[in-house]
Amino acid sequence: MTKIFKYKFEDAHYKGIGVLQRWFGQKLSTSSKRSNKQLYKKVLNRLETIKGKQLYTTKEKIWLNNLRIKYMIAKAKEGYNFDKYGNLIHRTYKKNFGKYNN
């Protein structure tokens, strides 16, 4: 029999889920594809369900970490940097030096 582990939310977890909810809410409001909107609604509903339970399983932990990684990759592509704990620290701006653009 497989044992299901449950983890208790701490303040940082609620903050992280809030960040993901805002990000997917923004994606939902700016998306024009119907299939994407449906997906974002499902993700938002699942995040709300997990947040409301105040506990999460190992399966949900893996799912949340995958969402977090997708968020970090998307933000990194926009020029944001993160510390070693995954906290957003600042955005880098490329300076335009003409043909010597870095």
C-alpha atoms as a PDB file:
ATOM      1  CA  MET A   1       0.000   0.000   0.000  1.00  0.00           C
ATOM      2  CA  THR A   2       1.361   3.406  -0.989  1.00  0.00           C
ATOM      3  CA  LYS A   3       1.567   5.967   1.762  1.00  0.00           C
ATOM      4  CA  ILE A   4       0.401   9.450   0.833  1.00  0.00           C
ATOM      5  CA  PHE A   5       2.456  12.212   2.397  1.00  0.00           C
ATOM      6  CA  LYS A   6       0.808  15.520   3.234  1.00  0.00           C
ATOM      7  CA  TYR A   7       2.634  18.783   3.763  1.00  0.00           C
ATOM      8  CA  LYS A   8       1.374  21.833   5.625  1.00  0.00           C
ATOM      9  CA  PHE A   9       1.398  25.263   3.996  1.00  0.00           C
ATOM     10  CA  GLU A  10       3.528  28.004   5.479  1.00  0.00           C
ATOM     11  CA  ASP A  11       3.371  31.739   4.737  1.00  0.00           C
ATOM     12  CA  ALA A  12       5.880  31.474   1.877  1.00  0.00           C
ATOM     13  CA  HIS A  13       3.741  28.806   0.193  1.00  0.00           C
ATOM     14  CA  TYR A  14       0.659  31.040   0.243  1.00  0.00           C
ATOM     15  CA  LYS A  15       2.732  33.880  -1.208  1.00  0.00           C
ATOM     16  CA  GLY A  16       4.049  31.599  -3.965  1.00  0.00           C
ATOM     17  CA  ILE A  17       0.586  30.361  -4.879  1.00  0.00           C
ATOM     18  CA  GLY A  18      -0.600  33.970  -4.958  1.00  0.00           C
ATOM     19  CA  VAL A  19       2.181  34.819  -7.426  1.00  0.00           C
ATOM     20  CA  LEU A  20       1.186  31.876  -9.627  1.00  0.00           C
ATOM     21  CA  GLN A  21      -2.495  32.860  -9.426  1.00  0.00           C
ATOM     22  CA  ARG A  22      -1.705  36.434 -10.520  1.00  0.00           C
ATOM     23  CA  TRP A  23       0.510  35.183 -13.340  1.00  0.00           C
ATOM     24  CA  PHE A  24      -2.074  32.717 -14.672  1.00  0.00           C
ATOM     25  CA  GLY A  25      -4.825  35.317 -14.197  1.00  0.00           C
ATOM     26  CA  GLN A  26      -2.832  37.708 -16.356  1.00  0.00           C
ATOM     27  CA  LYS A  27      -2.268  34.976 -18.957  1.00  0.00           C
ATOM     28  CA  LEU A  28      -6.006  34.246 -18.921  1.00  0.00           C
ATOM     29  CA  SER A  29      -6.959  37.883 -19.455  1.00  0.00           C
ATOM     30  CA  THR A  30      -4.482  38.400 -22.310  1.00  0.00           C
ATOM     31  CA  SER A  31      -4.972  35.087 -24.116  1.00  0.00           C
ATOM     32  CA  SER A  32      -7.039  34.988 -27.278  1.00  0.00           C
ATOM     33  CA  LYS A  33      -7.050  31.212 -27.804  1.00  0.00           C
ATOM     34  CA  ARG A  34     -10.039  29.430 -26.323  1.00  0.00           C
ATOM     35  CA  SER A  35      -8.036  26.283 -25.488  1.00  0.00           C
ATOM     36  CA  ASN A  36      -5.459  28.343 -23.549  1.00  0.00           C
ATOM     37  CA  LYS A  37      -8.194  30.136 -21.615  1.00  0.00           C
ATOM     38  CA  GLN A  38      -9.712  26.802 -20.605  1.00  0.00           C
ATOM     39  CA  LEU A  39      -6.319  25.518 -19.478  1.00  0.00           C
ATOM     40  CA  TYR A  40      -5.585  28.664 -17.451  1.00  0.00           C
ATOM     41  CA  LYS A  41      -9.010  28.438 -15.779  1.00  0.00           C
ATOM     42  CA  LYS A  42      -8.315  24.812 -14.808  1.00  0.00           C
ATOM     43  CA  VAL A  43      -4.922  25.761 -13.385  1.00  0.00           C
ATOM     44  CA  LEU A  44      -6.437  28.655 -11.411  1.00  0.00           C
ATOM     45  CA  ASN A  45      -9.211  26.422 -10.047  1.00  0.00           C
ATOM     46  CA  ARG A  46      -6.705  23.762  -8.997  1.00  0.00           C
ATOM     47  CA  LEU A  47      -4.480  26.356  -7.319  1.00  0.00           C
ATOM     48  CA  GLU A  48      -7.483  27.690  -5.394  1.00  0.00           C
ATOM     49  CA  THR A  49      -8.487  24.169  -4.339  1.00  0.00           C
ATOM     50  CA  ILE A  50      -4.995  23.324  -3.099  1.00  0.00           C
ATOM     51  CA  LYS A  51      -4.712  26.662  -1.302  1.00  0.00           C
ATOM     52  CA  GLY A  52      -8.067  26.134   0.395  1.00  0.00           C
ATOM     53  CA  LYS A  53      -7.124  22.694   1.752  1.00  0.00           C
ATOM     54  CA  GLN A  54      -4.125  24.116   3.648  1.00  0.00           C
ATOM     55  CA  LEU A  55      -2.342  20.811   3.011  1.00  0.00           C
ATOM     56  CA  TYR A  56      -0.841  19.379  -0.142  1.00  0.00           C
ATOM     57  CA  THR A  57       0.283  15.916  -1.233  1.00  0.00           C
ATOM     58  CA  THR A  58       3.536  14.872  -2.881  1.00  0.00           C
ATOM     59  CA  LYS A  59       1.780  14.774  -6.269  1.00  0.00           C
ATOM     60  CA  GLU A  60       0.524  18.333  -5.763  1.00  0.00           C
ATOM     61  CA  LYS A  61       3.985  19.391  -4.567  1.00  0.00           C
ATOM     62  CA  ILE A  62       5.522  18.162  -7.826  1.00  0.00           C
ATOM     63  CA  TRP A  63       2.799  19.897  -9.857  1.00  0.00           C
ATOM     64  CA  LEU A  64       3.312  23.174  -7.959  1.00  0.00           C
ATOM     65  CA  ASN A  65       7.088  22.976  -8.433  1.00  0.00           C
ATOM     66  CA  ASN A  66       6.622  22.408 -12.171  1.00  0.00           C
ATOM     67  CA  LEU A  67       4.394  25.499 -12.367  1.00  0.00           C
ATOM     68  CA  ARG A  68       6.989  27.450 -10.415  1.00  0.00           C
ATOM     69  CA  ILE A  69       9.717  26.397 -12.857  1.00  0.00           C
ATOM     70  CA  LYS A  70       7.557  27.446 -15.840  1.00  0.00           C
ATOM     71  CA  TYR A  71       6.973  30.814 -14.174  1.00  0.00           C
ATOM     72  CA  MET A  72      10.688  31.305 -13.536  1.00  0.00           C
ATOM     73  CA  ILE A  73      11.608  30.376 -17.114  1.00  0.00           C
ATOM     74  CA  ALA A  74       9.023  32.797 -18.499  1.00  0.00           C
ATOM     75  CA  LYS A  75      10.250  35.606 -16.234  1.00  0.00           C
ATOM     76  CA  ALA A  76      13.899  34.866 -17.077  1.00  0.00           C
ATOM     77  CA  LYS A  77      13.038  35.234 -20.771  1.00  0.00           C
ATOM     78  CA  GLU A  78      11.610  38.664 -19.914  1.00  0.00           C
ATOM     79  CA  GLY A  79      14.937  39.621 -18.329  1.00  0.00           C
ATOM     80  CA  TYR A  80      14.202  38.998 -14.642  1.00  0.00           C
ATOM     81  CA  ASN A  81      16.759  37.466 -12.274  1.00  0.00           C
ATOM     82  CA  PHE A  82      16.218  35.223  -9.264  1.00  0.00           C
ATOM     83  CA  ASP A  83      18.198  34.497  -6.116  1.00  0.00           C
ATOM     84  CA  LYS A  84      19.231  30.951  -5.173  1.00  0.00           C
ATOM     85  CA  TYR A  85      15.851  30.409  -3.466  1.00  0.00           C
ATOM     86  CA  GLY A  86      13.861  31.355  -6.555  1.00  0.00           C
ATOM     87  CA  ASN A  87      12.835  34.821  -5.356  1.00  0.00           C
ATOM     88  CA  LEU A  88      12.528  37.495  -8.015  1.00  0.00           C
ATOM     89  CA  ILE A  89      15.262  40.057  -7.343  1.00  0.00           C
ATOM     90  CA  HIS A  90      15.464  42.470 -10.274  1.00  0.00           C
ATOM     91  CA  ARG A  91      15.156  42.918 -13.982  1.00  0.00           C
ATOM     92  CA  THR A  92      18.194  43.380 -16.188  1.00  0.00           C
ATOM     93  CA  TYR A  93      18.080  45.833 -19.041  1.00  0.00           C
ATOM     94  CA  LYS A  94      20.187  45.554 -22.135  1.00  0.00           C
ATOM     95  CA  LYS A  95      21.893  48.789 -23.064  1.00  0.00           C
ATOM     96  CA  ASN A  96      21.884  49.752 -26.704  1.00  0.00           C
ATOM     97  CA  PHE A  97      25.393  50.482 -27.970  1.00  0.00           C
ATOM     98  CA  GLY A  98      24.542  50.432 -31.653  1.00  0.00           C
ATOM     99  CA  LYS A  99      26.421  47.709 -33.478  1.00  0.00           C
ATOM    100  CA  TYR A 100      28.103  46.733 -30.183  1.00  0.00           C
ATOM    101  CA  ASN A 101      24.815  45.728 -28.542  1.00  0.00           C
ATOM    102  CA  ASN A 102      25.414  43.319 -25.640  1.00  0.00           C
END
